[in-house]
N, C-alpha and C. Protein backbone atom coordinates (compact mmCIF):
# COMPACT_ATOMS: atom_id res chain seq x y z
N UNK A 1 -3.39 -14.96 36.50
CA UNK A 1 -4.32 -15.76 35.70
C UNK A 1 -5.13 -14.62 34.66
N UNK A 2 -5.23 -13.33 35.21
CA UNK A 2 -5.61 -12.42 33.95
C UNK A 2 -4.94 -12.10 32.87
N UNK A 3 -3.46 -12.07 33.32
CA UNK A 3 -2.53 -11.65 32.35
C UNK A 3 -2.47 -12.57 31.28
N UNK A 4 -2.42 -13.93 31.49
CA UNK A 4 -2.52 -15.33 30.74
C UNK A 4 -3.72 -15.49 29.75
N UNK A 5 -4.90 -14.77 30.48
CA UNK A 5 -6.21 -14.73 29.55
C UNK A 5 -6.15 -13.76 28.62
N UNK A 6 -5.43 -12.57 29.06
CA UNK A 6 -5.26 -11.32 27.90
C UNK A 6 -4.54 -11.66 27.13
N UNK A 7 -3.19 -12.47 27.43
CA UNK A 7 -2.26 -12.66 26.33
C UNK A 7 -2.86 -13.69 25.32
N UNK A 8 -3.73 -14.64 25.94
CA UNK A 8 -4.21 -15.76 24.85
C UNK A 8 -5.21 -15.05 24.11
N UNK A 9 -6.22 -14.17 24.71
CA UNK A 9 -7.29 -13.38 23.65
C UNK A 9 -6.52 -12.51 22.80
N UNK A 10 -5.51 -12.04 23.03
CA UNK A 10 -4.53 -11.14 21.93
C UNK A 10 -4.25 -12.26 20.80
N UNK A 11 -3.63 -13.44 21.27
CA UNK A 11 -3.03 -14.27 20.41
C UNK A 11 -4.34 -14.69 19.41
N UNK A 12 -5.40 -14.96 20.01
CA UNK A 12 -6.50 -15.53 19.19
C UNK A 12 -6.86 -14.60 18.19
N UNK A 13 -7.31 -13.18 18.52
CA UNK A 13 -7.57 -12.19 17.77
C UNK A 13 -6.64 -11.90 16.62
N UNK A 14 -5.34 -12.03 16.66
CA UNK A 14 -4.26 -11.96 15.45
C UNK A 14 -4.50 -13.06 14.56
N UNK A 15 -4.39 -14.29 15.14
CA UNK A 15 -4.81 -15.56 14.44
C UNK A 15 -6.10 -15.33 13.63
N UNK A 16 -6.98 -14.89 14.35
CA UNK A 16 -8.48 -14.83 13.50
C UNK A 16 -8.34 -13.63 12.20
N UNK A 17 -7.30 -12.70 12.57
CA UNK A 17 -7.10 -11.72 11.52
C UNK A 17 -6.36 -12.47 10.28
N UNK A 18 -5.38 -13.49 10.61
CA UNK A 18 -4.51 -14.25 9.74
C UNK A 18 -5.28 -15.13 9.04
N UNK A 19 -6.29 -15.74 9.50
CA UNK A 19 -7.21 -16.65 9.01
C UNK A 19 -8.17 -16.02 7.96
N UNK A 20 -8.67 -14.87 8.44
CA UNK A 20 -9.58 -14.17 7.78
C UNK A 20 -8.93 -13.39 6.35
N UNK A 21 -7.87 -12.93 6.60
CA UNK A 21 -6.88 -12.35 5.18
C UNK A 21 -6.46 -13.43 4.41
N UNK A 22 -6.02 -14.73 5.00
CA UNK A 22 -5.60 -15.98 4.11
C UNK A 22 -7.04 -16.38 3.26
N UNK A 23 -8.03 -16.54 3.82
CA UNK A 23 -9.44 -16.77 3.34
C UNK A 23 -9.69 -15.97 2.06
N UNK A 24 -9.97 -14.37 2.43
CA UNK A 24 -10.32 -13.61 1.46
C UNK A 24 -9.56 -13.38 0.47
N UNK A 25 -8.37 -13.64 0.44
CA UNK A 25 -7.26 -13.15 -0.51
C UNK A 25 -6.26 -14.19 -0.83
N UNK A 26 -6.46 -15.26 -1.49
CA UNK A 26 -5.42 -16.28 -1.46
C UNK A 26 -4.12 -15.93 -1.94
N UNK A 27 -4.02 -14.81 -2.85
CA UNK A 27 -3.06 -14.41 -3.48
C UNK A 27 -2.05 -13.35 -2.76
N UNK A 28 -2.70 -13.05 -1.31
CA UNK A 28 -1.85 -12.21 -0.40
C UNK A 28 -1.08 -12.74 0.50
N UNK A 29 0.12 -12.67 0.63
CA UNK A 29 1.19 -13.32 1.43
C UNK A 29 1.09 -12.45 2.59
N UNK A 30 0.37 -12.02 3.54
CA UNK A 30 0.60 -11.03 4.64
C UNK A 30 1.52 -11.71 5.36
N UNK A 31 2.24 -10.52 5.89
CA UNK A 31 3.05 -10.53 7.08
C UNK A 31 4.05 -11.67 7.27
N UNK A 32 4.85 -12.03 6.11
CA UNK A 32 5.62 -13.05 5.89
C UNK A 32 6.82 -12.77 7.25
N UNK A 33 6.89 -13.90 8.13
CA UNK A 33 7.85 -13.84 9.10
C UNK A 33 7.39 -12.97 10.40
N UNK A 34 6.11 -12.90 10.59
CA UNK A 34 5.60 -11.92 11.27
C UNK A 34 5.73 -12.71 13.03
N UNK A 35 5.80 -14.03 12.89
CA UNK A 35 5.76 -14.71 14.01
C UNK A 35 6.85 -14.88 14.75
N UNK A 36 7.92 -14.05 14.60
CA UNK A 36 9.14 -14.56 15.05
C UNK A 36 8.99 -13.76 16.73
N UNK A 37 9.86 -14.17 17.41
CA UNK A 37 9.59 -13.52 19.05
C UNK A 37 9.66 -12.07 19.09
N UNK A 38 10.56 -11.62 18.34
CA UNK A 38 10.72 -10.03 18.31
C UNK A 38 9.95 -9.16 17.64
N UNK A 39 9.13 -9.80 16.47
CA UNK A 39 8.48 -8.85 15.67
C UNK A 39 6.73 -9.16 15.73
N UNK A 40 6.51 -10.19 16.76
CA UNK A 40 5.08 -10.32 17.04
C UNK A 40 4.30 -9.30 17.62
N UNK A 41 5.20 -8.30 18.33
CA UNK A 41 4.32 -7.20 18.66
C UNK A 41 4.10 -6.17 17.68
N UNK A 42 4.59 -6.38 16.59
CA UNK A 42 4.41 -5.20 15.11
C UNK A 42 3.47 -6.00 14.35
N UNK A 43 2.93 -7.17 14.57
CA UNK A 43 1.88 -7.86 13.71
C UNK A 43 0.67 -7.19 13.13
N UNK A 44 0.05 -6.20 13.95
CA UNK A 44 -1.13 -5.44 13.75
C UNK A 44 -0.62 -4.36 12.63
N UNK A 45 0.56 -3.95 12.75
CA UNK A 45 0.92 -2.91 11.96
C UNK A 45 0.91 -3.51 10.48
N UNK A 46 1.53 -4.62 10.39
CA UNK A 46 2.23 -5.73 9.00
C UNK A 46 0.56 -5.89 8.53
N UNK A 47 -0.52 -6.37 9.49
CA UNK A 47 -1.62 -6.64 8.79
C UNK A 47 -2.31 -5.78 8.18
N UNK A 48 -2.36 -4.48 8.96
CA UNK A 48 -3.10 -3.49 8.27
C UNK A 48 -2.52 -2.80 7.09
N UNK A 49 -1.29 -2.84 7.02
CA UNK A 49 -0.49 -2.39 5.82
C UNK A 49 -0.74 -3.40 4.66
N UNK A 50 -0.84 -4.67 5.02
CA UNK A 50 -1.04 -5.83 3.95
C UNK A 50 -2.70 -5.28 3.57
N UNK A 51 -3.58 -5.18 4.25
CA UNK A 51 -4.81 -4.94 3.93
C UNK A 51 -5.09 -3.73 3.14
N UNK A 52 -4.41 -2.61 3.66
CA UNK A 52 -4.31 -1.17 2.56
C UNK A 52 -3.78 -1.68 1.16
N UNK A 53 -2.47 -2.25 1.11
CA UNK A 53 -1.98 -2.81 0.03
C UNK A 53 -2.96 -3.24 -1.07
N UNK A 54 -3.48 -4.26 -0.27
CA UNK A 54 -4.37 -5.22 -0.89
C UNK A 54 -5.57 -4.36 -1.56
N UNK A 55 -6.05 -3.64 -0.96
CA UNK A 55 -7.33 -2.63 -1.18
C UNK A 55 -6.77 -1.59 -2.33
N UNK A 56 -5.68 -1.08 -2.21
CA UNK A 56 -5.22 0.01 -2.80
C UNK A 56 -4.81 -0.56 -4.32
N UNK A 57 -4.07 -1.66 -4.33
CA UNK A 57 -4.07 -2.25 -6.00
C UNK A 57 -5.30 -2.82 -6.67
N UNK A 58 -6.19 -3.38 -5.71
CA UNK A 58 -7.34 -3.63 -6.16
C UNK A 58 -8.16 -2.67 -6.86
N UNK A 59 -8.26 -1.51 -5.95
CA UNK A 59 -9.07 -0.35 -6.55
C UNK A 59 -8.01 0.30 -7.90
N UNK A 60 -6.92 0.19 -7.99
CA UNK A 60 -5.97 1.02 -8.68
C UNK A 60 -6.20 -0.02 -10.14
N UNK A 61 -6.12 -1.36 -10.06
CA UNK A 61 -6.46 -2.24 -11.25
C UNK A 61 -7.98 -1.84 -11.80
N UNK A 62 -8.83 -1.91 -11.00
CA UNK A 62 -10.37 -1.63 -11.45
C UNK A 62 -10.36 -0.18 -11.90
N UNK A 63 -9.57 0.48 -11.86
CA UNK A 63 -9.84 2.21 -12.40
C UNK A 63 -10.50 2.81 -11.06
N UNK A 64 -10.81 2.33 -9.96
CA UNK A 64 -11.43 3.08 -9.09
C UNK A 64 -10.50 4.02 -8.32
N UNK A 65 -10.35 5.18 -8.92
CA UNK A 65 -9.17 5.71 -8.35
C UNK A 65 -9.42 6.60 -7.15
N UNK A 66 -10.81 7.04 -7.10
CA UNK A 66 -11.07 7.66 -5.53
C UNK A 66 -11.12 6.58 -4.70
N UNK A 67 -11.55 5.40 -4.71
CA UNK A 67 -11.28 4.51 -3.81
C UNK A 67 -10.01 3.98 -3.31
N UNK A 68 -9.27 3.81 -4.38
CA UNK A 68 -7.59 3.68 -4.14
C UNK A 68 -7.07 4.99 -3.24
N UNK A 69 -7.36 6.10 -3.60
CA UNK A 69 -7.06 7.14 -2.72
C UNK A 69 -7.07 7.25 -1.49
N UNK A 70 -7.95 6.57 -0.70
CA UNK A 70 -8.23 6.40 0.40
C UNK A 70 -6.93 5.53 1.06
N UNK A 71 -6.56 4.93 0.59
CA UNK A 71 -5.27 3.87 1.03
C UNK A 71 -3.83 4.43 0.83
N UNK A 72 -3.99 5.64 0.26
CA UNK A 72 -2.66 6.66 0.11
C UNK A 72 -2.10 7.53 1.20
N UNK A 73 -1.11 7.47 1.56
CA UNK A 73 -0.39 8.42 2.74
C UNK A 73 0.33 9.60 1.87
N UNK A 74 -0.10 10.73 1.97
CA UNK A 74 0.30 11.87 1.16
C UNK A 74 1.15 12.71 1.99
N UNK A 75 2.14 13.11 1.08
CA UNK A 75 3.13 14.13 1.52
C UNK A 75 3.66 15.13 0.58
N UNK A 76 4.16 16.07 1.00
CA UNK A 76 4.36 17.22 0.18
C UNK A 76 5.91 17.36 -0.17
N UNK A 77 6.75 17.44 0.97
CA UNK A 77 8.02 17.80 0.68
C UNK A 77 8.95 16.36 1.33
N UNK A 78 8.65 16.29 2.42
CA UNK A 78 9.54 15.05 3.25
C UNK A 78 8.24 14.32 3.83
N UNK A 79 8.63 12.83 3.89
CA UNK A 79 7.57 11.93 4.10
C UNK A 79 7.29 12.18 5.78
N UNK A 80 8.03 12.61 6.56
CA UNK A 80 7.95 12.88 8.10
C UNK A 80 7.52 14.43 8.62
N UNK A 81 7.04 15.00 7.38
CA UNK A 81 6.47 16.44 7.62
C UNK A 81 5.17 16.51 7.35
N UNK A 82 4.12 16.54 8.05
CA UNK A 82 2.80 16.78 7.66
C UNK A 82 2.44 17.57 6.67
N UNK A 83 1.68 17.64 5.51
CA UNK A 83 1.46 18.36 4.49
C UNK A 83 0.34 19.63 4.88
N UNK A 84 0.97 20.76 4.22
CA UNK A 84 0.19 21.78 4.79
C UNK A 84 -1.00 22.01 3.77
N UNK A 85 -1.40 21.27 2.87
CA UNK A 85 -2.56 21.25 1.75
C UNK A 85 -3.57 20.50 2.60
N UNK A 86 -4.84 20.57 2.43
CA UNK A 86 -5.83 20.06 3.18
C UNK A 86 -5.88 18.67 2.53
N UNK A 87 -6.29 17.54 3.34
CA UNK A 87 -6.02 16.25 2.77
C UNK A 87 -7.31 16.14 1.47
N UNK A 88 -8.34 16.75 1.54
CA UNK A 88 -9.08 16.69 0.50
C UNK A 88 -8.82 17.07 -0.95
N UNK A 89 -8.15 18.27 -0.74
CA UNK A 89 -7.34 18.67 -2.16
C UNK A 89 -6.13 17.67 -2.58
N UNK A 90 -5.39 17.10 -1.58
CA UNK A 90 -4.32 16.33 -1.87
C UNK A 90 -5.13 15.08 -2.59
N UNK A 91 -6.12 14.37 -1.96
CA UNK A 91 -6.67 13.28 -2.64
C UNK A 91 -7.06 13.53 -4.22
N UNK A 92 -7.76 15.01 -4.12
CA UNK A 92 -8.36 14.99 -5.51
C UNK A 92 -7.10 15.27 -6.29
N UNK A 93 -5.98 15.97 -6.19
CA UNK A 93 -4.73 16.05 -6.97
C UNK A 93 -4.28 14.66 -7.52
N UNK A 94 -4.23 13.82 -6.57
CA UNK A 94 -3.69 12.23 -6.56
C UNK A 94 -4.82 11.95 -7.77
N UNK A 95 -6.04 11.64 -7.34
CA UNK A 95 -6.94 11.19 -8.58
C UNK A 95 -6.86 11.75 -9.92
N UNK A 96 -6.49 13.10 -9.88
CA UNK A 96 -6.42 13.67 -11.10
C UNK A 96 -5.10 13.36 -11.76
N UNK A 97 -4.15 13.17 -11.08
CA UNK A 97 -2.87 12.73 -11.46
C UNK A 97 -3.08 11.56 -12.12
N UNK A 98 -3.54 10.41 -11.33
CA UNK A 98 -3.77 9.09 -11.91
C UNK A 98 -4.62 8.68 -13.14
N UNK A 99 -5.38 9.57 -12.93
CA UNK A 99 -6.55 9.53 -14.15
C UNK A 99 -6.00 10.03 -15.49
N UNK A 100 -5.15 11.35 -15.31
CA UNK A 100 -4.58 11.86 -16.53
C UNK A 100 -3.37 10.64 -16.94
N UNK A 101 -2.60 10.06 -16.37
CA UNK A 101 -1.88 9.26 -16.82
C UNK A 101 -2.47 7.91 -17.21
N UNK A 102 -3.94 7.36 -16.75
CA UNK A 102 -4.46 6.43 -17.47
C UNK A 102 -5.02 6.91 -18.83
N UNK A 103 -5.42 8.27 -18.99
CA UNK A 103 -5.76 8.61 -20.12
C UNK A 103 -4.90 8.71 -21.38
N UNK A 104 -3.50 8.87 -20.87
CA UNK A 104 -2.40 8.76 -21.73
C UNK A 104 -1.94 7.34 -22.01
N UNK A 105 -2.61 6.24 -21.48
CA UNK A 105 -2.25 4.97 -21.63
C UNK A 105 -1.33 4.17 -20.81
N UNK A 106 -1.25 4.80 -19.63
CA UNK A 106 -0.38 4.19 -18.61
C UNK A 106 -1.13 3.83 -17.45
N UNK A 107 -1.16 2.48 -16.98
CA UNK A 107 -1.94 2.21 -15.80
C UNK A 107 -1.71 0.93 -15.16
N UNK A 108 -2.02 0.41 -14.11
CA UNK A 108 -1.91 -0.69 -13.60
C UNK A 108 -3.18 -1.32 -14.04
N UNK A 109 -3.04 -2.60 -14.77
CA UNK A 109 -3.99 -3.33 -15.76
C UNK A 109 -4.63 -4.78 -14.72
N UNK A 110 -3.47 -5.20 -13.97
CA UNK A 110 -4.03 -6.40 -13.13
C UNK A 110 -2.84 -6.52 -11.98
N UNK A 111 -3.57 -7.18 -10.78
CA UNK A 111 -2.36 -7.46 -9.82
C UNK A 111 -2.66 -8.81 -9.89
N UNK A 112 -1.35 -9.43 -9.47
CA UNK A 112 -0.94 -10.76 -9.36
C UNK A 112 -0.73 -11.32 -7.96
N UNK A 113 -0.03 -10.58 -7.26
CA UNK A 113 0.12 -10.96 -5.64
C UNK A 113 0.74 -9.58 -5.14
N UNK A 114 0.46 -9.71 -3.60
CA UNK A 114 1.18 -8.63 -2.99
C UNK A 114 1.70 -9.55 -1.55
N UNK A 115 2.83 -9.13 -1.31
CA UNK A 115 3.60 -9.64 0.13
C UNK A 115 4.02 -8.56 1.03
N UNK A 116 3.55 -8.78 2.20
CA UNK A 116 3.96 -7.52 3.11
C UNK A 116 4.78 -8.37 4.18
N UNK A 117 6.05 -7.74 4.50
CA UNK A 117 6.82 -8.35 5.62
C UNK A 117 7.30 -7.07 6.50
N UNK A 118 7.75 -7.52 7.61
CA UNK A 118 8.45 -6.53 8.42
C UNK A 118 9.87 -6.46 8.26
N UNK A 119 10.37 -5.12 8.33
CA UNK A 119 11.77 -4.72 8.13
C UNK A 119 12.02 -3.72 9.22
N UNK A 120 12.88 -4.13 10.12
CA UNK A 120 13.17 -3.44 11.46
C UNK A 120 11.95 -2.77 12.09
N UNK A 121 10.89 -3.69 12.21
CA UNK A 121 9.79 -3.24 12.92
C UNK A 121 8.79 -2.61 11.84
N UNK A 122 9.11 -2.16 10.66
CA UNK A 122 8.24 -1.42 9.65
C UNK A 122 7.91 -2.34 8.65
N UNK A 123 6.52 -2.32 8.36
CA UNK A 123 6.00 -2.98 6.88
C UNK A 123 6.58 -2.51 5.65
N UNK A 124 6.91 -3.37 4.94
CA UNK A 124 7.33 -3.29 3.54
C UNK A 124 6.68 -4.29 2.70
N UNK A 125 6.58 -3.92 1.40
CA UNK A 125 5.89 -4.98 0.44
C UNK A 125 6.53 -4.88 -0.65
N UNK A 126 6.21 -6.04 -1.44
CA UNK A 126 6.50 -6.56 -2.90
C UNK A 126 5.13 -6.86 -3.61
N UNK A 127 4.84 -6.12 -4.52
CA UNK A 127 3.76 -6.26 -5.56
C UNK A 127 4.02 -7.07 -7.03
N UNK A 128 3.37 -7.76 -7.25
CA UNK A 128 3.63 -8.19 -8.89
C UNK A 128 2.55 -7.84 -9.31
N UNK A 129 2.64 -6.97 -10.47
CA UNK A 129 1.54 -6.21 -11.19
C UNK A 129 1.94 -6.21 -12.70
N UNK A 130 0.50 -6.18 -13.43
CA UNK A 130 0.79 -5.93 -14.89
C UNK A 130 0.53 -4.61 -15.25
N UNK A 131 1.49 -4.19 -15.75
CA UNK A 131 1.34 -2.79 -16.28
C UNK A 131 1.03 -2.74 -17.78
N UNK A 132 0.27 -1.79 -18.12
CA UNK A 132 -0.35 -1.24 -19.45
C UNK A 132 0.37 -0.12 -19.75
N UNK A 133 1.28 0.23 -20.86
CA UNK A 133 1.74 1.44 -21.12
C UNK A 133 1.85 1.64 -22.78
N UNK A 134 1.10 2.35 -23.28
CA UNK A 134 0.71 2.65 -24.52
C UNK A 134 0.59 1.21 -25.65
N UNK A 135 -0.23 0.61 -25.23
CA UNK A 135 -0.61 -0.36 -26.02
C UNK A 135 0.23 -1.73 -25.79
N UNK A 136 1.16 -1.93 -24.85
CA UNK A 136 1.73 -2.82 -24.54
C UNK A 136 1.75 -3.22 -23.11
N UNK A 137 1.84 -4.56 -22.82
CA UNK A 137 1.84 -5.01 -21.32
C UNK A 137 2.80 -5.75 -20.86
N UNK A 138 3.11 -5.73 -19.60
CA UNK A 138 4.38 -6.52 -19.12
C UNK A 138 4.03 -6.51 -17.71
N UNK A 139 4.63 -7.55 -16.85
CA UNK A 139 4.40 -7.84 -15.43
C UNK A 139 5.87 -7.40 -14.78
N UNK A 140 5.64 -6.87 -13.95
CA UNK A 140 6.84 -6.40 -12.97
C UNK A 140 6.49 -6.23 -11.56
N UNK A 141 7.42 -6.25 -10.90
CA UNK A 141 7.68 -6.35 -9.54
C UNK A 141 7.70 -4.79 -8.97
N UNK A 142 6.60 -4.35 -7.91
CA UNK A 142 7.00 -3.10 -7.59
C UNK A 142 7.23 -3.25 -5.98
N UNK A 143 8.12 -2.48 -5.40
CA UNK A 143 8.74 -2.59 -3.99
C UNK A 143 7.63 -1.35 -3.28
N UNK A 144 6.84 -1.71 -2.11
CA UNK A 144 5.72 -0.87 -1.56
C UNK A 144 6.39 -0.37 -0.26
N UNK A 145 6.32 0.99 -0.19
CA UNK A 145 6.79 1.72 1.31
C UNK A 145 5.65 2.21 1.75
N UNK A 146 5.38 1.98 2.97
CA UNK A 146 4.23 2.30 3.82
C UNK A 146 4.63 3.67 4.90
N UNK A 147 3.39 4.20 5.13
CA UNK A 147 3.62 5.32 6.29
C UNK A 147 2.30 5.33 7.17
N UNK A 148 2.43 5.42 8.58
CA UNK A 148 1.50 5.51 9.42
C UNK A 148 0.90 6.96 9.56
N UNK A 149 -0.10 7.05 8.71
CA UNK A 149 -1.07 8.27 9.04
C UNK A 149 -2.43 7.81 9.10
N UNK A 150 -3.15 7.97 10.47
CA UNK A 150 -4.35 7.40 10.49
C UNK A 150 -4.52 5.95 10.14
N UNK A 151 -3.36 5.15 10.35
CA UNK A 151 -3.27 3.98 10.00
C UNK A 151 -2.21 3.65 8.99
N UNK A 152 -1.73 2.46 8.70
CA UNK A 152 -0.70 2.25 7.66
C UNK A 152 -1.22 2.48 6.17
N UNK A 153 -0.58 3.01 5.46
CA UNK A 153 -1.24 3.43 4.10
C UNK A 153 0.01 3.20 3.02
N UNK A 154 -0.40 3.21 1.96
CA UNK A 154 0.98 3.20 0.94
C UNK A 154 1.47 4.80 0.53
N UNK A 155 2.87 4.56 0.68
CA UNK A 155 3.22 5.96 0.71
C UNK A 155 3.97 6.08 -0.54
N UNK A 156 4.62 5.00 -1.19
CA UNK A 156 5.16 5.15 -2.51
C UNK A 156 5.57 3.66 -2.90
N UNK A 157 5.51 3.59 -4.13
CA UNK A 157 5.97 2.11 -4.83
C UNK A 157 6.98 2.63 -5.85
N UNK A 158 8.04 1.55 -5.97
CA UNK A 158 9.15 1.85 -6.87
C UNK A 158 9.50 0.56 -7.78
N UNK A 159 9.46 0.88 -8.96
CA UNK A 159 9.69 -0.16 -9.71
C UNK A 159 11.24 -0.63 -10.17
N UNK A 160 11.39 -1.65 -10.76
CA UNK A 160 12.98 -2.09 -10.84
C UNK A 160 13.31 -0.99 -11.66
N UNK A 161 14.57 -0.48 -11.40
CA UNK A 161 15.38 0.32 -12.10
C UNK A 161 15.05 1.87 -11.62
N UNK A 162 14.26 2.03 -10.86
CA UNK A 162 14.03 3.45 -10.17
C UNK A 162 12.59 3.62 -10.58
N UNK A 163 12.40 4.96 -10.01
CA UNK A 163 11.00 5.55 -9.97
C UNK A 163 10.69 5.87 -11.60
N UNK A 164 9.52 5.48 -11.93
CA UNK A 164 8.87 5.62 -13.18
C UNK A 164 7.73 6.76 -13.27
N UNK A 165 7.22 6.99 -14.25
CA UNK A 165 6.14 8.27 -14.37
C UNK A 165 5.01 7.48 -13.43
N UNK A 166 4.62 6.27 -13.70
CA UNK A 166 3.73 5.67 -13.05
C UNK A 166 3.85 5.39 -11.59
N UNK A 167 5.10 5.11 -11.24
CA UNK A 167 5.33 5.04 -9.79
C UNK A 167 5.13 6.49 -9.18
N UNK A 168 5.70 7.48 -9.61
CA UNK A 168 5.29 8.92 -9.17
C UNK A 168 3.68 9.09 -8.99
N UNK A 169 3.19 8.79 -10.07
CA UNK A 169 1.70 8.91 -10.17
C UNK A 169 1.01 8.48 -9.14
N UNK A 170 1.23 7.08 -8.74
CA UNK A 170 0.51 6.22 -7.74
C UNK A 170 1.00 6.30 -6.43
N UNK A 171 2.18 7.19 -6.38
CA UNK A 171 2.51 7.28 -4.95
C UNK A 171 2.20 8.48 -4.20
N UNK A 172 2.12 8.66 -3.04
CA UNK A 172 1.69 9.77 -2.20
C UNK A 172 2.24 10.82 -2.35
N UNK A 173 3.40 11.21 -3.08
CA UNK A 173 4.09 12.34 -3.15
C UNK A 173 3.37 13.54 -3.93
N UNK A 174 2.90 14.66 -3.45
CA UNK A 174 2.29 15.56 -4.31
C UNK A 174 3.14 17.04 -3.95
N UNK A 175 3.72 17.43 -5.20
CA UNK A 175 4.48 18.17 -5.27
C UNK A 175 3.65 19.46 -6.00
N UNK A 176 3.34 20.43 -5.03
CA UNK A 176 2.46 21.68 -5.32
C UNK A 176 3.07 22.13 -6.83
N UNK A 177 4.41 22.41 -6.92
CA UNK A 177 4.73 22.83 -8.38
C UNK A 177 4.42 22.02 -9.68
N UNK A 178 4.29 20.54 -9.64
CA UNK A 178 4.31 19.64 -10.51
C UNK A 178 2.67 19.25 -10.73
N UNK A 179 2.11 19.31 -9.59
CA UNK A 179 0.62 18.64 -9.33
C UNK A 179 -0.51 19.79 -9.67
N UNK A 180 -0.48 20.53 -10.68
CA UNK A 180 -1.50 21.55 -10.51
C UNK A 180 -2.69 21.09 -11.69
């Protein structure tokens, strides 16, 4: 009996999160396909990644880079090796890099949609955003990669055709030789 009650309360909690995300952000399709029998276990990771992606892009489009930096997973060499640089310094370098690119006229101007789904148990996403670059704007789709560092955060974004200067700037890769 206790087990059934525990399972029911867990399901109710996940459904509450689904409703809260759907009401708060109608343009976010959080965790597409998460209700299959095998992926239901991974639902919390998917919803956490969806929330991080939504907040990350919302702050990027608003130019609130310090706030966006809270949703970035930083790495220096390889994503599976912890950085040797202190987290505060990594965040500062990231904010400086994104701010410098915006000063040059390249930035995320608007977010249209974010969709997060599970792929082999890991959250992955797709965002449709409007990019401003040297006076021109166009809408593109970026693929979002996540990393679990104190919760799921945005590790990297990749635009069609490969990584661009904007993709590198807004991703979590901090190269000590390039980002000084």
